[in-house]
Amino acid sequence: MVAPASAARGVYNPRRPQASPLVRLVSDHLHRLQTVYDDRFAREYGPWRPIVAQVAEKFLACSVLE
């Protein structure tokens, strides 16, 4: 009998990062967060830092496999 792990070895299963819940969450809500941040969160957490948007954009760009 062949073990399940060795039976699947060598089979390429392409990933679909754009279907990831985290990618969808960031993609769907980043712009909205940027627009409401100053009113809702800046007092408690400080001003919006541009690095946050830069990192989020890079994260979204790495999920595009084209």
PDB file of N, CA and C in Angstrom:
ATOM      1  N   MET A   1       0.846  -1.175   0.000  1.00  0.00           N
ATOM      2  CA  MET A   1       0.000   0.000   0.000  1.00  0.00           C
ATOM      3  C   MET A   1       0.894   1.241   0.000  1.00  0.00           C
ATOM      4  N   VAL A   2       0.516   2.245  -0.783  1.00  0.00           N
ATOM      5  CA  VAL A   2       1.282   3.479  -0.890  1.00  0.00           C
ATOM      6  C   VAL A   2       0.740   4.481   0.123  1.00  0.00           C
ATOM      7  N   ALA A   3       1.676   5.114   0.856  1.00  0.00           N
ATOM      8  CA  ALA A   3       1.276   6.116   1.834  1.00  0.00           C
ATOM      9  C   ALA A   3       0.717   7.347   1.111  1.00  0.00           C
ATOM     10  N   PRO A   4      -0.300   8.002   1.667  1.00  0.00           N
ATOM     11  CA  PRO A   4      -0.912   9.162   1.006  1.00  0.00           C
ATOM     12  C   PRO A   4       0.083  10.280   0.700  1.00  0.00           C
ATOM     13  N   ALA A   5       1.038  10.525   1.583  1.00  0.00           N
ATOM     14  CA  ALA A   5       2.001  11.600   1.362  1.00  0.00           C
ATOM     15  C   ALA A   5       2.880  11.300   0.157  1.00  0.00           C
ATOM     16  N   SER A   6       3.299  10.037   0.004  1.00  0.00           N
ATOM     17  CA  SER A   6       4.168   9.716  -1.123  1.00  0.00           C
ATOM     18  C   SER A   6       3.370   9.634  -2.423  1.00  0.00           C
ATOM     19  N   ALA A   7       2.083   9.346  -2.330  1.00  0.00           N
ATOM     20  CA  ALA A   7       1.255   9.293  -3.533  1.00  0.00           C
ATOM     21  C   ALA A   7       1.077  10.686  -4.119  1.00  0.00           C
ATOM     22  N   ALA A   8       1.025  11.705  -3.262  1.00  0.00           N
ATOM     23  CA  ALA A   8       0.826  13.078  -3.730  1.00  0.00           C
ATOM     24  C   ALA A   8       2.148  13.744  -4.115  1.00  0.00           C
ATOM     25  N   ARG A   9       3.271  13.154  -3.761  1.00  0.00           N
ATOM     26  CA  ARG A   9       4.559  13.755  -4.067  1.00  0.00           C
ATOM     27  C   ARG A   9       4.724  13.883  -5.577  1.00  0.00           C
ATOM     28  N   GLY A  10       5.221  15.016  -6.014  1.00  0.00           N
ATOM     29  CA  GLY A  10       5.435  15.236  -7.423  1.00  0.00           C
ATOM     30  C   GLY A  10       4.232  15.816  -8.141  1.00  0.00           C
ATOM     31  N   VAL A  11       3.135  15.970  -7.444  1.00  0.00           N
ATOM     32  CA  VAL A  11       1.940  16.551  -8.045  1.00  0.00           C
ATOM     33  C   VAL A  11       1.913  18.028  -7.671  1.00  0.00           C
ATOM     34  N   TYR A  12       1.865  18.874  -8.676  1.00  0.00           N
ATOM     35  CA  TYR A  12       1.840  20.320  -8.429  1.00  0.00           C
ATOM     36  C   TYR A  12       0.400  20.779  -8.230  1.00  0.00           C
ATOM     37  N   ASN A  13       0.148  21.379  -7.112  1.00  0.00           N
ATOM     38  CA  ASN A  13      -1.157  21.958  -6.820  1.00  0.00           C
ATOM     39  C   ASN A  13      -0.991  23.467  -6.777  1.00  0.00           C
ATOM     40  N   PRO A  14      -1.395  24.172  -7.823  1.00  0.00           N
ATOM     41  CA  PRO A  14      -1.198  25.619  -7.835  1.00  0.00           C
ATOM     42  C   PRO A  14      -1.986  26.289  -6.722  1.00  0.00           C
ATOM     43  N   ARG A  15      -1.358  27.265  -6.120  1.00  0.00           N
ATOM     44  CA  ARG A  15      -2.030  28.027  -5.070  1.00  0.00           C
ATOM     45  C   ARG A  15      -2.801  29.160  -5.710  1.00  0.00           C
ATOM     46  N   ARG A  16      -3.797  29.595  -5.012  1.00  0.00           N
ATOM     47  CA  ARG A  16      -4.598  30.725  -5.471  1.00  0.00           C
ATOM     48  C   ARG A  16      -4.590  31.786  -4.382  1.00  0.00           C
ATOM     49  N   PRO A  17      -3.513  32.570  -4.285  1.00  0.00           N
ATOM     50  CA  PRO A  17      -3.414  33.524  -3.185  1.00  0.00           C
ATOM     51  C   PRO A  17      -4.516  34.574  -3.202  1.00  0.00           C
ATOM     52  N   GLN A  18      -5.060  34.892  -4.364  1.00  0.00           N
ATOM     53  CA  GLN A  18      -6.123  35.886  -4.414  1.00  0.00           C
ATOM     54  C   GLN A  18      -7.415  35.377  -3.781  1.00  0.00           C
ATOM     55  N   ALA A  19      -7.515  34.081  -3.588  1.00  0.00           N
ATOM     56  CA  ALA A  19      -8.690  33.508  -2.928  1.00  0.00           C
ATOM     57  C   ALA A  19      -8.511  33.446  -1.412  1.00  0.00           C
ATOM     58  N   SER A  20      -7.332  33.810  -0.940  1.00  0.00           N
ATOM     59  CA  SER A  20      -7.043  33.785   0.489  1.00  0.00           C
ATOM     60  C   SER A  20      -7.925  34.790   1.233  1.00  0.00           C
ATOM     61  N   PRO A  21      -8.446  34.415   2.383  1.00  0.00           N
ATOM     62  CA  PRO A  21      -9.262  35.359   3.155  1.00  0.00           C
ATOM     63  C   PRO A  21      -8.499  36.631   3.532  1.00  0.00           C
ATOM     64  N   LEU A  22      -7.216  36.511   3.832  1.00  0.00           N
ATOM     65  CA  LEU A  22      -6.434  37.686   4.208  1.00  0.00           C
ATOM     66  C   LEU A  22      -6.258  38.637   3.022  1.00  0.00           C
ATOM     67  N   VAL A  23      -5.970  38.102   1.852  1.00  0.00           N
ATOM     68  CA  VAL A  23      -5.820  38.940   0.659  1.00  0.00           C
ATOM     69  C   VAL A  23      -7.137  39.631   0.344  1.00  0.00           C
ATOM     70  N   ARG A  24      -8.233  38.911   0.428  1.00  0.00           N
ATOM     71  CA  ARG A  24      -9.546  39.511   0.165  1.00  0.00           C
ATOM     72  C   ARG A  24      -9.865  40.602   1.184  1.00  0.00           C
ATOM     73  N   LEU A  25      -9.548  40.364   2.443  1.00  0.00           N
ATOM     74  CA  LEU A  25      -9.817  41.343   3.495  1.00  0.00           C
ATOM     75  C   LEU A  25      -9.052  42.637   3.241  1.00  0.00           C
ATOM     76  N   VAL A  26      -7.750  42.516   2.977  1.00  0.00           N
ATOM     77  CA  VAL A  26      -6.932  43.708   2.733  1.00  0.00           C
ATOM     78  C   VAL A  26      -7.395  44.412   1.465  1.00  0.00           C
ATOM     79  N   SER A  27      -7.637  43.656   0.424  1.00  0.00           N
ATOM     80  CA  SER A  27      -8.064  44.231  -0.845  1.00  0.00           C
ATOM     81  C   SER A  27      -9.399  44.968  -0.716  1.00  0.00           C
ATOM     82  N   ASP A  28     -10.332  44.379  -0.011  1.00  0.00           N
ATOM     83  CA  ASP A  28     -11.668  44.951   0.109  1.00  0.00           C
ATOM     84  C   ASP A  28     -11.740  46.154   1.053  1.00  0.00           C
ATOM     85  N   HIS A  29     -10.847  46.220   2.051  1.00  0.00           N
ATOM     86  CA  HIS A  29     -11.034  47.204   3.105  1.00  0.00           C
ATOM     87  C   HIS A  29      -9.893  48.196   3.304  1.00  0.00           C
ATOM     88  N   LEU A  30      -8.799  48.077   2.590  1.00  0.00           N
ATOM     89  CA  LEU A  30      -7.669  48.984   2.804  1.00  0.00           C
ATOM     90  C   LEU A  30      -8.045  50.431   2.497  1.00  0.00           C
ATOM     91  N   HIS A  31      -8.657  50.667   1.368  1.00  0.00           N
ATOM     92  CA  HIS A  31      -9.004  52.046   1.006  1.00  0.00           C
ATOM     93  C   HIS A  31      -9.952  52.657   2.029  1.00  0.00           C
ATOM     94  N   ARG A  32     -10.939  51.908   2.449  1.00  0.00           N
ATOM     95  CA  ARG A  32     -11.897  52.408   3.452  1.00  0.00           C
ATOM     96  C   ARG A  32     -11.188  52.725   4.766  1.00  0.00           C
ATOM     97  N   LEU A  33     -10.271  51.873   5.187  1.00  0.00           N
ATOM     98  CA  LEU A  33      -9.525  52.120   6.416  1.00  0.00           C
ATOM     99  C   LEU A  33      -8.745  53.429   6.307  1.00  0.00           C
ATOM    100  N   GLN A  34      -8.117  53.648   5.170  1.00  0.00           N
ATOM    101  CA  GLN A  34      -7.348  54.882   4.987  1.00  0.00           C
ATOM    102  C   GLN A  34      -8.247  56.116   5.070  1.00  0.00           C
ATOM    103  N   THR A  35      -9.448  56.021   4.562  1.00  0.00           N
ATOM    104  CA  THR A  35     -10.327  57.195   4.552  1.00  0.00           C
ATOM    105  C   THR A  35     -10.932  57.501   5.924  1.00  0.00           C
ATOM    106  N   VAL A  36     -11.124  56.499   6.756  1.00  0.00           N
ATOM    107  CA  VAL A  36     -11.742  56.749   8.066  1.00  0.00           C
ATOM    108  C   VAL A  36     -10.740  56.749   9.219  1.00  0.00           C
ATOM    109  N   TYR A  37      -9.488  56.437   8.942  1.00  0.00           N
ATOM    110  CA  TYR A  37      -8.506  56.281  10.008  1.00  0.00           C
ATOM    111  C   TYR A  37      -8.389  57.530  10.882  1.00  0.00           C
ATOM    112  N   ASP A  38      -8.226  58.693  10.272  1.00  0.00           N
ATOM    113  CA  ASP A  38      -8.019  59.907  11.058  1.00  0.00           C
ATOM    114  C   ASP A  38      -9.170  60.180  12.011  1.00  0.00           C
ATOM    115  N   ASP A  39     -10.398  59.981  11.547  1.00  0.00           N
ATOM    116  CA  ASP A  39     -11.563  60.251  12.391  1.00  0.00           C
ATOM    117  C   ASP A  39     -11.771  59.213  13.481  1.00  0.00           C
ATOM    118  N   ARG A  40     -11.496  57.947  13.169  1.00  0.00           N
ATOM    119  CA  ARG A  40     -11.855  56.882  14.107  1.00  0.00           C
ATOM    120  C   ARG A  40     -10.712  56.350  14.960  1.00  0.00           C
ATOM    121  N   PHE A  41      -9.471  56.407  14.456  1.00  0.00           N
ATOM    122  CA  PHE A  41      -8.391  55.713  15.158  1.00  0.00           C
ATOM    123  C   PHE A  41      -7.186  56.574  15.510  1.00  0.00           C
ATOM    124  N   ALA A  42      -7.005  57.722  14.878  1.00  0.00           N
ATOM    125  CA  ALA A  42      -5.790  58.520  15.065  1.00  0.00           C
ATOM    126  C   ALA A  42      -5.614  58.990  16.504  1.00  0.00           C
ATOM    127  N   ARG A  43      -6.684  59.338  17.163  1.00  0.00           N
ATOM    128  CA  ARG A  43      -6.570  59.823  18.544  1.00  0.00           C
ATOM    129  C   ARG A  43      -5.969  58.749  19.452  1.00  0.00           C
ATOM    130  N   GLU A  44      -6.372  57.516  19.248  1.00  0.00           N
ATOM    131  CA  GLU A  44      -5.894  56.436  20.111  1.00  0.00           C
ATOM    132  C   GLU A  44      -4.570  55.833  19.649  1.00  0.00           C
ATOM    133  N   TYR A  45      -4.367  55.706  18.331  1.00  0.00           N
ATOM    134  CA  TYR A  45      -3.200  54.996  17.813  1.00  0.00           C
ATOM    135  C   TYR A  45      -2.181  55.887  17.115  1.00  0.00           C
ATOM    136  N   GLY A  46      -2.446  57.180  17.023  1.00  0.00           N
ATOM    137  CA  GLY A  46      -1.523  58.084  16.361  1.00  0.00           C
ATOM    138  C   GLY A  46      -1.860  58.239  14.887  1.00  0.00           C
ATOM    139  N   PRO A  47      -1.124  59.114  14.217  1.00  0.00           N
ATOM    140  CA  PRO A  47      -1.443  59.397  12.808  1.00  0.00           C
ATOM    141  C   PRO A  47      -1.186  58.196  11.902  1.00  0.00           C
ATOM    142  N   TRP A  48      -1.870  58.218  10.759  1.00  0.00           N
ATOM    143  CA  TRP A  48      -1.682  57.178   9.740  1.00  0.00           C
ATOM    144  C   TRP A  48      -0.253  57.258   9.226  1.00  0.00           C
ATOM    145  N   ARG A  49       0.436  56.148   9.240  1.00  0.00           N
ATOM    146  CA  ARG A  49       1.812  56.110   8.735  1.00  0.00           C
ATOM    147  C   ARG A  49       1.792  55.577   7.302  1.00  0.00           C
ATOM    148  N   PRO A  50       2.423  56.290   6.384  1.00  0.00           N
ATOM    149  CA  PRO A  50       2.419  55.864   4.979  1.00  0.00           C
ATOM    150  C   PRO A  50       2.996  54.462   4.770  1.00  0.00           C
ATOM    151  N   ILE A  51       3.868  54.019   5.641  1.00  0.00           N
ATOM    152  CA  ILE A  51       4.469  52.684   5.490  1.00  0.00           C
ATOM    153  C   ILE A  51       3.401  51.597   5.559  1.00  0.00           C
ATOM    154  N   VAL A  52       2.315  51.855   6.280  1.00  0.00           N
ATOM    155  CA  VAL A  52       1.237  50.863   6.390  1.00  0.00           C
ATOM    156  C   VAL A  52       0.620  50.607   5.013  1.00  0.00           C
ATOM    157  N   ALA A  53       0.322  51.678   4.290  1.00  0.00           N
ATOM    158  CA  ALA A  53      -0.252  51.527   2.949  1.00  0.00           C
ATOM    159  C   ALA A  53       0.760  50.893   2.004  1.00  0.00           C
ATOM    160  N   GLN A  54       2.029  51.259   2.119  1.00  0.00           N
ATOM    161  CA  GLN A  54       3.063  50.700   1.248  1.00  0.00           C
ATOM    162  C   GLN A  54       3.185  49.189   1.447  1.00  0.00           C
ATOM    163  N   VAL A  55       3.201  48.758   2.688  1.00  0.00           N
ATOM    164  CA  VAL A  55       3.308  47.330   2.978  1.00  0.00           C
ATOM    165  C   VAL A  55       2.063  46.586   2.488  1.00  0.00           C
ATOM    166  N   ALA A  56       0.890  47.160   2.703  1.00  0.00           N
ATOM    167  CA  ALA A  56      -0.348  46.521   2.250  1.00  0.00           C
ATOM    168  C   ALA A  56      -0.370  46.410   0.730  1.00  0.00           C
ATOM    169  N   GLU A  57       0.063  47.451   0.032  1.00  0.00           N
ATOM    170  CA  GLU A  57       0.092  47.409  -1.439  1.00  0.00           C
ATOM    171  C   GLU A  57       1.082  46.361  -1.932  1.00  0.00           C
ATOM    172  N   LYS A  58       2.226  46.243  -1.296  1.00  0.00           N
ATOM    173  CA  LYS A  58       3.208  45.219  -1.677  1.00  0.00           C
ATOM    174  C   LYS A  58       2.660  43.823  -1.410  1.00  0.00           C
ATOM    175  N   PHE A  59       1.958  43.672  -0.301  1.00  0.00           N
ATOM    176  CA  PHE A  59       1.331  42.394   0.024  1.00  0.00           C
ATOM    177  C   PHE A  59       0.329  42.001  -1.056  1.00  0.00           C
ATOM    178  N   LEU A  60      -0.491  42.953  -1.475  1.00  0.00           N
ATOM    179  CA  LEU A  60      -1.480  42.666  -2.518  1.00  0.00           C
ATOM    180  C   LEU A  60      -0.802  42.391  -3.847  1.00  0.00           C
ATOM    181  N   ALA A  61       0.274  43.092  -4.141  1.00  0.00           N
ATOM    182  CA  ALA A  61       0.979  42.890  -5.412  1.00  0.00           C
ATOM    183  C   ALA A  61       1.618  41.499  -5.470  1.00  0.00           C
ATOM    184  N   CYS A  62       2.080  40.989  -4.351  1.00  0.00           N
ATOM    185  CA  CYS A  62       2.728  39.669  -4.382  1.00  0.00           C
ATOM    186  C   CYS A  62       1.712  38.546  -4.556  1.00  0.00           C
ATOM    187  N   SER A  63       0.423  38.841  -4.390  1.00  0.00           N
ATOM    188  CA  SER A  63      -0.589  37.812  -4.586  1.00  0.00           C
ATOM    189  C   SER A  63      -1.030  37.716  -6.042  1.00  0.00           C
ATOM    190  N   VAL A  64      -0.560  38.632  -6.882  1.00  0.00           N
ATOM    191  CA  VAL A  64      -0.882  38.608  -8.307  1.00  0.00           C
ATOM    192  C   VAL A  64       0.206  37.788  -9.010  1.00  0.00           C
ATOM    193  N   LEU A  65      -0.166  36.629  -9.515  1.00  0.00           N
ATOM    194  CA  LEU A  65       0.821  35.706 -10.059  1.00  0.00           C
ATOM    195  C   LEU A  65       1.017  35.869 -11.568  1.00  0.00           C
ATOM    196  N   GLU A  66       0.454  36.878 -12.167  1.00  0.00           N
ATOM    197  CA  GLU A  66       0.571  37.063 -13.620  1.00  0.00           C
ATOM    198  C   GLU A  66       1.910  37.654 -13.983  1.00  0.00           C
TER     199      GLU A  66
END
